[in-house]
Amino acid sequence: MRVTIAYKGKEYDFDANAESSIADVKREVEPVTKLPPEALKVFFRGRPRRDDDKLVLLGVKQFQKLVIVGNPNWNPPQPEGAAPATTSGGAKTKLDEILDAIKPLESEAMAAVSAGSATTETQKARLQELLTQKMLQLDSVEVQGSDGREKRKRAIQSIERLCTDIENMGD
């Protein structure tokens, strides 16, 4: 059967056996994604699927679409002697990237809290949702050393305070 694979905004058609597993699909699309199977997540009908799930048992039919995304928990293997991803100087770490992305949200949230009742419920909900997403991203980042853990902890506490302040607006 032919299945459509959606990856990074493009669609690709692949031949698959109904008895194929999700792991088989990942191996099949490796040349397109240029990522190893363990670096991919496969979604069908809006849900992530396990590697041992069989296409036929999931109800995948001819020309149905599977969505493939990069697995956020996958870390490429480091060459021997390479510096870890969390360096204190030079390149930005994933933690630093998230912290940089939080700054404008924090400013917007503080402005909303200052504006008080002039902030709509929609704006409040949007800010809380975006801040919660960033908190979840922070929670999923692995950091090395006590400095990184402390930075992450302070950022999460700051977001929690902002969310509480937004929630209590107008009370």
C-alpha atoms as a PDB file:
ATOM      1  CA  MET A   1       0.000   0.000   0.000  1.00  0.00           C
ATOM      2  CA  ARG A   2       1.072   3.618  -0.509  1.00  0.00           C
ATOM      3  CA  VAL A   3       1.222   5.918   2.496  1.00  0.00           C
ATOM      4  CA  THR A   4       1.932   9.619   2.559  1.00  0.00           C
ATOM      5  CA  ILE A   5       4.575  10.888   4.944  1.00  0.00           C
ATOM      6  CA  ALA A   6       4.417  14.546   5.984  1.00  0.00           C
ATOM      7  CA  TYR A   7       7.753  15.942   7.137  1.00  0.00           C
ATOM      8  CA  LYS A   8       8.779  19.603   7.491  1.00  0.00           C
ATOM      9  CA  GLY A   9       5.910  20.895   5.383  1.00  0.00           C
ATOM     10  CA  LYS A  10       6.445  18.474   2.494  1.00  0.00           C
ATOM     11  CA  GLU A  11       4.728  15.238   1.624  1.00  0.00           C
ATOM     12  CA  TYR A  12       6.363  12.071   0.328  1.00  0.00           C
ATOM     13  CA  ASP A  13       4.727   8.857  -0.887  1.00  0.00           C
ATOM     14  CA  PHE A  14       6.178   5.539   0.247  1.00  0.00           C
ATOM     15  CA  ASP A  15       5.304   1.917  -0.342  1.00  0.00           C
ATOM     16  CA  ALA A  16       4.587   0.091   2.878  1.00  0.00           C
ATOM     17  CA  ASN A  17       3.394  -3.362   3.802  1.00  0.00           C
ATOM     18  CA  ALA A  18       0.269  -3.428   5.995  1.00  0.00           C
ATOM     19  CA  GLU A  19       2.257  -5.556   8.455  1.00  0.00           C
ATOM     20  CA  SER A  20       5.032  -2.934   8.649  1.00  0.00           C
ATOM     21  CA  SER A  21       5.688  -1.376  12.022  1.00  0.00           C
ATOM     22  CA  ILE A  22       6.262   2.284  12.813  1.00  0.00           C
ATOM     23  CA  ALA A  23       9.960   1.401  13.255  1.00  0.00           C
ATOM     24  CA  ASP A  24       9.963   0.062   9.667  1.00  0.00           C
ATOM     25  CA  VAL A  25       8.454   3.333   8.433  1.00  0.00           C
ATOM     26  CA  LYS A  26      11.117   5.331  10.292  1.00  0.00           C
ATOM     27  CA  ARG A  27      13.870   3.278   8.634  1.00  0.00           C
ATOM     28  CA  GLU A  28      12.207   3.755   5.248  1.00  0.00           C
ATOM     29  CA  VAL A  29      12.104   7.573   5.556  1.00  0.00           C
ATOM     30  CA  GLU A  30      15.631   7.946   6.947  1.00  0.00           C
ATOM     31  CA  PRO A  31      17.044   9.016   3.530  1.00  0.00           C
ATOM     32  CA  VAL A  32      14.447  11.793   3.278  1.00  0.00           C
ATOM     33  CA  THR A  33      14.739  13.080   6.845  1.00  0.00           C
ATOM     34  CA  LYS A  34      18.501  12.541   7.082  1.00  0.00           C
ATOM     35  CA  LEU A  35      17.890  11.553  10.700  1.00  0.00           C
ATOM     36  CA  PRO A  36      18.217   8.111  12.295  1.00  0.00           C
ATOM     37  CA  PRO A  37      14.978   6.362  13.315  1.00  0.00           C
ATOM     38  CA  GLU A  38      15.526   7.103  17.022  1.00  0.00           C
ATOM     39  CA  ALA A  39      15.489  10.832  16.210  1.00  0.00           C
ATOM     40  CA  LEU A  40      11.946  10.676  14.798  1.00  0.00           C
ATOM     41  CA  LYS A  41       8.429  10.565  16.195  1.00  0.00           C
ATOM     42  CA  VAL A  42       5.545   9.325  14.042  1.00  0.00           C
ATOM     43  CA  PHE A  43       1.992  10.592  14.505  1.00  0.00           C
ATOM     44  CA  PHE A  44      -1.173   9.061  13.067  1.00  0.00           C
ATOM     45  CA  ARG A  45      -4.584  10.591  13.670  1.00  0.00           C
ATOM     46  CA  GLY A  46      -2.994  13.212  15.919  1.00  0.00           C
ATOM     47  CA  ARG A  47      -1.354  10.772  18.318  1.00  0.00           C
ATOM     48  CA  PRO A  48       2.263   9.719  18.681  1.00  0.00           C
ATOM     49  CA  ARG A  49       2.762   6.065  17.814  1.00  0.00           C
ATOM     50  CA  ARG A  50       5.114   3.504  19.335  1.00  0.00           C
ATOM     51  CA  ASP A  51       7.803   1.832  17.247  1.00  0.00           C
ATOM     52  CA  ASP A  52       6.217  -1.600  17.628  1.00  0.00           C
ATOM     53  CA  ASP A  53       2.745  -0.457  16.433  1.00  0.00           C
ATOM     54  CA  LYS A  54       1.713  -2.177  13.191  1.00  0.00           C
ATOM     55  CA  LEU A  55       0.164  -0.075  10.431  1.00  0.00           C
ATOM     56  CA  VAL A  56      -2.708  -2.524   9.929  1.00  0.00           C
ATOM     57  CA  LEU A  57      -3.590  -2.506  13.636  1.00  0.00           C
ATOM     58  CA  LEU A  58      -3.540   1.318  13.697  1.00  0.00           C
ATOM     59  CA  GLY A  59      -6.032   1.331  10.824  1.00  0.00           C
ATOM     60  CA  VAL A  60      -3.673   2.914   8.292  1.00  0.00           C
ATOM     61  CA  LYS A  61      -5.122   2.526   4.808  1.00  0.00           C
ATOM     62  CA  GLN A  62      -3.912   3.277   1.280  1.00  0.00           C
ATOM     63  CA  PHE A  63      -2.848   6.937   0.816  1.00  0.00           C
ATOM     64  CA  GLN A  64      -3.396   7.876   4.450  1.00  0.00           C
ATOM     65  CA  LYS A  65      -0.985  10.330   6.011  1.00  0.00           C
ATOM     66  CA  LEU A  66       1.563   9.757   8.742  1.00  0.00           C
ATOM     67  CA  VAL A  67       3.189  12.856  10.202  1.00  0.00           C
ATOM     68  CA  ILE A  68       6.840  12.661  11.163  1.00  0.00           C
ATOM     69  CA  VAL A  69       8.586  15.165  13.439  1.00  0.00           C
ATOM     70  CA  GLY A  70      11.968  15.298  15.076  1.00  0.00           C
ATOM     71  CA  ASN A  71      12.011  13.775  18.544  1.00  0.00           C
ATOM     72  CA  PRO A  72      12.740  16.632  21.000  1.00  0.00           C
ATOM     73  CA  ASN A  73      14.308  14.175  23.461  1.00  0.00           C
ATOM     74  CA  TRP A  74      16.872  12.888  20.964  1.00  0.00           C
ATOM     75  CA  ASN A  75      20.434  14.090  21.328  1.00  0.00           C
ATOM     76  CA  PRO A  76      22.881  13.282  18.542  1.00  0.00           C
ATOM     77  CA  PRO A  77      25.842  11.269  19.722  1.00  0.00           C
ATOM     78  CA  GLN A  78      28.850  13.428  20.564  1.00  0.00           C
ATOM     79  CA  PRO A  79      32.135  12.523  18.901  1.00  0.00           C
ATOM     80  CA  GLU A  80      34.728  11.369  21.403  1.00  0.00           C
ATOM     81  CA  GLY A  81      36.517  14.285  22.978  1.00  0.00           C
ATOM     82  CA  ALA A  82      33.832  16.768  21.877  1.00  0.00           C
ATOM     83  CA  ALA A  83      32.618  19.370  24.333  1.00  0.00           C
ATOM     84  CA  PRO A  84      29.183  18.729  25.862  1.00  0.00           C
ATOM     85  CA  ALA A  85      26.204  20.689  24.528  1.00  0.00           C
ATOM     86  CA  THR A  86      26.080  22.808  27.679  1.00  0.00           C
ATOM     87  CA  THR A  87      29.166  24.944  27.380  1.00  0.00           C
ATOM     88  CA  SER A  88      29.764  27.956  29.587  1.00  0.00           C
ATOM     89  CA  GLY A  89      31.161  30.101  26.786  1.00  0.00           C
ATOM     90  CA  GLY A  90      30.872  30.267  23.034  1.00  0.00           C
ATOM     91  CA  ALA A  91      27.845  28.523  21.558  1.00  0.00           C
ATOM     92  CA  LYS A  92      24.408  28.990  23.104  1.00  0.00           C
ATOM     93  CA  THR A  93      22.896  26.053  24.905  1.00  0.00           C
ATOM     94  CA  LYS A  94      19.292  24.936  24.494  1.00  0.00           C
ATOM     95  CA  LEU A  95      18.619  26.386  27.951  1.00  0.00           C
ATOM     96  CA  ASP A  96      19.964  29.794  26.885  1.00  0.00           C
ATOM     97  CA  GLU A  97      17.845  29.715  23.718  1.00  0.00           C
ATOM     98  CA  ILE A  98      14.688  29.055  25.741  1.00  0.00           C
ATOM     99  CA  LEU A  99      15.592  31.735  28.294  1.00  0.00           C
ATOM    100  CA  ASP A 100      16.087  34.240  25.458  1.00  0.00           C
ATOM    101  CA  ALA A 101      12.678  33.318  24.013  1.00  0.00           C
ATOM    102  CA  ILE A 102      11.050  33.845  27.433  1.00  0.00           C
ATOM    103  CA  LYS A 103      12.271  37.446  27.882  1.00  0.00           C
ATOM    104  CA  PRO A 104       9.768  39.106  25.503  1.00  0.00           C
ATOM    105  CA  LEU A 105       6.948  37.001  26.987  1.00  0.00           C
ATOM    106  CA  GLU A 106       7.915  38.096  30.500  1.00  0.00           C
ATOM    107  CA  SER A 107       7.887  41.745  29.410  1.00  0.00           C
ATOM    108  CA  GLU A 108       4.473  41.315  27.795  1.00  0.00           C
ATOM    109  CA  ALA A 109       3.124  39.535  30.873  1.00  0.00           C
ATOM    110  CA  MET A 110       4.413  42.263  33.226  1.00  0.00           C
ATOM    111  CA  ALA A 111       2.824  44.920  30.996  1.00  0.00           C
ATOM    112  CA  ALA A 112      -0.473  43.018  31.089  1.00  0.00           C
ATOM    113  CA  VAL A 113      -0.343  42.757  34.881  1.00  0.00           C
ATOM    114  CA  SER A 114       0.363  46.510  35.080  1.00  0.00           C
ATOM    115  CA  ALA A 115      -2.561  47.242  32.749  1.00  0.00           C
ATOM    116  CA  GLY A 116      -4.834  45.234  35.043  1.00  0.00           C
ATOM    117  CA  SER A 117      -8.465  45.179  33.947  1.00  0.00           C
ATOM    118  CA  ALA A 118      -7.590  46.623  30.502  1.00  0.00           C
ATOM    119  CA  THR A 119      -6.222  43.176  29.587  1.00  0.00           C
ATOM    120  CA  THR A 120      -8.819  40.904  27.962  1.00  0.00           C
ATOM    121  CA  GLU A 121      -9.472  37.324  28.998  1.00  0.00           C
ATOM    122  CA  THR A 122      -8.190  36.186  25.599  1.00  0.00           C
ATOM    123  CA  GLN A 123      -4.895  38.015  26.134  1.00  0.00           C
ATOM    124  CA  LYS A 124      -4.558  36.522  29.607  1.00  0.00           C
ATOM    125  CA  ALA A 125      -5.230  32.993  28.333  1.00  0.00           C
ATOM    126  CA  ARG A 126      -2.769  33.450  25.450  1.00  0.00           C
ATOM    127  CA  LEU A 127      -0.001  34.650  27.764  1.00  0.00           C
ATOM    128  CA  GLN A 128      -0.592  31.852  30.253  1.00  0.00           C
ATOM    129  CA  GLU A 129      -0.540  29.262  27.466  1.00  0.00           C
ATOM    130  CA  LEU A 130       2.704  30.609  25.966  1.00  0.00           C
ATOM    131  CA  LEU A 131       4.376  30.848  29.373  1.00  0.00           C
ATOM    132  CA  THR A 132       3.261  27.311  30.234  1.00  0.00           C
ATOM    133  CA  GLN A 133       4.723  26.028  26.961  1.00  0.00           C
ATOM    134  CA  LYS A 134       8.056  27.655  27.789  1.00  0.00           C
ATOM    135  CA  MET A 135       7.948  26.177  31.282  1.00  0.00           C
ATOM    136  CA  LEU A 136       7.437  22.708  29.788  1.00  0.00           C
ATOM    137  CA  GLN A 137      10.351  23.294  27.417  1.00  0.00           C
ATOM    138  CA  LEU A 138      12.533  24.309  30.353  1.00  0.00           C
ATOM    139  CA  ASP A 139      11.441  21.249  32.272  1.00  0.00           C
ATOM    140  CA  SER A 140      12.451  18.945  29.398  1.00  0.00           C
ATOM    141  CA  VAL A 141      15.954  20.405  28.941  1.00  0.00           C
ATOM    142  CA  GLU A 142      18.763  18.412  30.468  1.00  0.00           C
ATOM    143  CA  VAL A 143      21.332  20.675  32.045  1.00  0.00           C
ATOM    144  CA  GLN A 144      24.710  19.855  33.461  1.00  0.00           C
ATOM    145  CA  GLY A 145      26.071  21.369  36.618  1.00  0.00           C
ATOM    146  CA  SER A 146      24.455  23.235  39.463  1.00  0.00           C
ATOM    147  CA  ASP A 147      24.637  26.620  37.671  1.00  0.00           C
ATOM    148  CA  GLY A 148      22.455  25.379  34.808  1.00  0.00           C
ATOM    149  CA  ARG A 149      19.985  23.716  37.159  1.00  0.00           C
ATOM    150  CA  GLU A 150      19.757  26.895  39.254  1.00  0.00           C
ATOM    151  CA  LYS A 151      19.175  29.040  36.138  1.00  0.00           C
ATOM    152  CA  ARG A 152      16.399  26.710  35.003  1.00  0.00           C
ATOM    153  CA  LYS A 153      14.844  26.648  38.479  1.00  0.00           C
ATOM    154  CA  ARG A 154      14.786  30.470  38.719  1.00  0.00           C
ATOM    155  CA  ALA A 155      13.229  30.756  35.245  1.00  0.00           C
ATOM    156  CA  ILE A 156      10.486  28.235  36.098  1.00  0.00           C
ATOM    157  CA  GLN A 157       9.734  30.038  39.380  1.00  0.00           C
ATOM    158  CA  SER A 158       9.539  33.367  37.537  1.00  0.00           C
ATOM    159  CA  ILE A 159       7.092  31.925  34.997  1.00  0.00           C
ATOM    160  CA  GLU A 160       4.972  30.403  37.770  1.00  0.00           C
ATOM    161  CA  ARG A 161       4.790  33.808  39.517  1.00  0.00           C
ATOM    162  CA  LEU A 162       3.791  35.544  36.277  1.00  0.00           C
ATOM    163  CA  CYS A 163       1.089  32.948  35.571  1.00  0.00           C
ATOM    164  CA  THR A 164      -0.279  33.385  39.103  1.00  0.00           C
ATOM    165  CA  ASP A 165      -0.238  37.193  38.743  1.00  0.00           C
ATOM    166  CA  ILE A 166      -2.085  36.943  35.410  1.00  0.00           C
ATOM    167  CA  GLU A 167      -4.603  34.516  36.908  1.00  0.00           C
ATOM    168  CA  ASN A 168      -5.256  36.853  39.858  1.00  0.00           C
ATOM    169  CA  MET A 169      -5.769  39.945  37.684  1.00  0.00           C
ATOM    170  CA  GLY A 170      -9.139  41.528  38.239  1.00  0.00           C
ATOM    171  CA  ASP A 171      -9.733  39.710  41.539  1.00  0.00           C
END
